[in-house]
Protein backbone atom coordinates (compact mmCIF):
# COMPACT_ATOMS: atom_id res chain seq x y z
CA UNK A 1 101.05 105.31 77.23
CA UNK A 2 102.95 103.88 80.20
CA UNK A 3 106.70 104.09 80.50
CA UNK A 4 109.04 101.45 81.87
CA UNK A 5 111.45 104.24 82.80
CA UNK A 6 111.56 105.86 86.24
CA UNK A 7 111.81 109.32 84.64
CA UNK A 8 110.52 110.94 81.48
CA UNK A 9 111.65 114.14 79.80
CA UNK A 10 109.35 117.16 79.94
CA UNK A 11 109.83 120.02 77.49
CA UNK A 12 108.25 123.42 77.21
CA UNK A 13 108.58 125.78 74.27
CA UNK A 14 107.01 129.22 74.55
CA UNK A 15 106.69 131.49 71.54
CA UNK A 16 105.81 135.16 71.17
CA UNK A 17 103.47 135.55 68.21
CA UNK A 18 104.10 138.24 65.62
CA UNK A 19 100.40 138.39 64.71
CA UNK A 20 97.10 137.12 66.14
CA UNK A 21 96.42 133.40 65.63
CA UNK A 22 93.38 134.32 63.52
CA UNK A 23 95.46 136.46 61.13
CA UNK A 24 96.29 135.60 57.53
CA UNK A 25 100.00 135.79 58.47
CA UNK A 26 99.62 132.80 60.83
CA UNK A 27 97.31 130.74 58.60
CA UNK A 28 100.00 128.19 57.61
CA UNK A 29 101.08 127.80 61.22
CA UNK A 30 97.52 127.31 62.48
CA UNK A 31 96.61 124.98 59.58
CA UNK A 32 99.56 122.75 60.48
CA UNK A 33 98.92 122.51 64.23
CA UNK A 34 96.70 119.43 64.02
CA UNK A 35 98.95 117.50 61.60
CA UNK A 36 102.11 118.36 63.57
CA UNK A 37 100.42 117.36 66.83
CA UNK A 38 99.21 114.11 65.24
CA UNK A 39 102.79 113.39 64.15
CA UNK A 40 103.95 113.94 67.73
CA UNK A 41 101.20 111.73 69.14
CA UNK A 42 102.34 108.91 66.82
CA UNK A 43 106.09 109.41 67.34
CA UNK A 44 108.20 106.74 68.98
CA UNK A 45 108.90 107.79 72.57
CA UNK A 46 106.02 110.30 72.80
CA UNK A 47 104.22 110.15 76.15
CA UNK A 48 101.92 113.18 76.55
CA UNK A 49 101.28 116.75 75.40
CA UNK A 50 99.46 119.68 76.95
CA UNK A 51 96.06 120.32 75.34
CA UNK A 52 93.10 122.58 75.81
CA UNK A 53 89.58 121.77 74.59
CA UNK A 54 90.66 122.33 70.97
CA UNK A 55 93.31 119.59 71.03
CA UNK A 56 96.24 122.01 71.19
CA UNK A 57 97.45 124.48 73.82
CA UNK A 58 97.01 127.78 71.97
CA UNK A 59 94.18 128.86 74.28
CA UNK A 60 96.17 128.43 77.49
CA UNK A 61 97.66 131.46 79.22
CA UNK A 62 101.38 131.58 79.92
CA UNK A 63 103.19 134.28 81.90
CA UNK A 64 99.97 136.34 81.71
CA UNK A 65 100.83 137.49 78.17
CA UNK A 66 98.22 136.99 75.44
CA UNK A 67 100.93 137.09 72.73
CA UNK A 68 102.69 134.02 74.15
CA UNK A 69 101.67 130.49 73.24
CA UNK A 70 102.92 127.33 74.92
CA UNK A 71 103.82 123.89 73.71
CA UNK A 72 104.58 121.35 76.41
CA UNK A 73 105.08 117.61 76.12
CA UNK A 74 106.64 114.61 77.83
CA UNK A 75 108.91 112.14 76.05
CA UNK A 76 110.66 108.89 76.90
CA UNK A 77 114.06 110.61 76.56
CA UNK A 78 115.99 113.29 74.67
CA UNK A 79 116.68 110.98 71.73
CA UNK A 80 112.95 110.46 71.15
CA UNK A 81 112.28 114.21 71.42
CA UNK A 82 115.04 115.22 69.01
CA UNK A 83 114.12 112.46 66.53
CA UNK A 84 110.65 113.99 66.32
CA UNK A 85 111.78 117.63 66.34
CA UNK A 86 114.28 117.42 63.51
CA UNK A 87 112.39 115.21 61.06
CA UNK A 88 109.42 115.50 58.78
CA UNK A 89 106.69 118.10 59.10
CA UNK A 90 107.91 119.44 62.46
CA UNK A 91 111.34 120.16 60.99
CA UNK A 92 109.69 122.02 58.10
CA UNK A 93 107.62 124.12 60.49
CA UNK A 94 110.62 124.74 62.77
CA UNK A 95 112.55 126.10 59.80
CA UNK A 96 109.74 128.64 59.23
CA UNK A 97 109.36 129.77 62.86
CA UNK A 98 110.71 133.30 62.18
CA UNK A 99 107.68 133.92 59.93
CA UNK A 100 105.32 133.53 62.88
CA UNK A 101 107.29 134.16 66.07
CA UNK A 102 109.35 137.08 67.33
CA UNK A 103 112.99 136.48 68.11
CA UNK A 104 113.28 136.65 71.91
CA UNK A 105 116.61 136.98 73.72
CA UNK A 106 115.59 135.32 76.98
CA UNK A 107 115.11 131.57 77.41
CA UNK A 108 111.72 130.38 76.18
CA UNK A 109 112.53 126.66 76.06
CA UNK A 110 113.32 124.38 78.99
CA UNK A 111 113.61 120.67 79.63
CA UNK A 112 113.49 118.76 82.91
CA UNK A 113 113.01 115.23 84.15
CA UNK A 114 109.70 114.21 85.70
CA UNK A 115 108.76 110.98 87.45
CA UNK A 116 107.12 108.60 85.00
CA UNK A 117 103.40 109.36 84.87
CA UNK A 118 103.72 112.97 86.05
CA UNK A 119 102.00 115.56 83.84
CA UNK A 120 103.53 119.02 84.29
CA UNK A 121 101.40 122.13 84.67
CA UNK A 122 101.80 125.51 83.02
CA UNK A 123 102.89 126.93 86.39
CA UNK A 124 105.57 124.25 86.64
CA UNK A 125 106.78 125.08 83.12
CA UNK A 126 106.90 128.80 83.92
CA UNK A 127 108.98 128.02 87.02
CA UNK A 128 111.44 125.93 85.00
CA UNK A 129 111.84 128.64 82.32
CA UNK A 130 112.38 131.36 84.94
CA UNK A 131 114.94 129.18 86.71
CA UNK A 132 116.81 128.60 83.44
CA UNK A 133 116.81 132.33 82.70
CA UNK A 134 118.28 133.10 86.13
CA UNK A 135 120.68 130.19 86.64
CA UNK A 136 121.47 128.77 83.22
CA UNK A 137 121.26 125.02 82.64
CA UNK A 138 121.02 122.95 85.83
CA UNK A 139 119.41 119.59 86.59
CA UNK A 140 116.25 121.57 87.52
CA UNK A 141 115.91 123.14 84.04
CA UNK A 142 118.20 122.65 81.07
CA UNK A 143 118.44 122.81 77.30
CA UNK A 144 119.09 120.33 74.52
CA UNK A 145 122.61 121.70 74.17
CA UNK A 146 123.38 121.30 77.88
CA UNK A 147 121.27 118.48 79.24
CA UNK A 148 121.48 116.46 82.43
CA UNK A 149 120.70 112.81 83.12
CA UNK A 150 117.62 111.99 85.12
CA UNK A 151 119.71 111.42 88.23
CA UNK A 152 121.39 114.84 87.88
CA UNK A 153 124.90 113.36 87.69
CA UNK A 154 126.24 116.07 85.40
CA UNK A 155 125.90 117.69 81.99
CA UNK A 156 125.62 115.46 78.95
CA UNK A 157 126.23 117.22 75.62
CA UNK A 158 123.59 116.42 73.02
CA UNK A 159 124.20 116.91 69.32
CA UNK A 160 121.72 119.33 67.73
CA UNK A 161 121.87 119.84 63.96
CA UNK A 162 123.37 123.23 63.05
CA UNK A 163 120.85 125.97 62.41
CA UNK A 164 118.00 124.13 64.11
CA UNK A 165 118.14 125.35 67.69
CA UNK A 166 114.79 124.90 69.37
CA UNK A 167 114.28 128.46 70.60
CA UNK A 168 111.51 130.45 68.97
């Protein structure tokens, strides 16, 4: 999919699993990966998502920790991303995230603008998350609650429904 916009919004969400992916405890999560990813692929404003050979990113290493899994995608803008996140099957799965993922105090989610057509790497995502942890939201790495326009002009508050923060 090609974008008419000069910039697109990249997002990374890293989760620390409570149990192995193959465990009975994660069966519902794993069984819903393909349908949730298919919903994303079909969503208005979706551009790209990170995938391994299985069609998801669960086999990709992040921060050298086998208990972490990564989700990374690129969207037309924050409105398209949040419309997908807080509706339908993804919203249902997001509401159940505490069943499958540990609560982590440090930032595990980051957003940043990329030139249209750029596909971020895991290393790039790790850099953005580490920057957010150290510096808080900046144009280099920010959150849905404190976002920045593509040109970095300043923070733009974005409404996120109560109780549905995107951290895992």
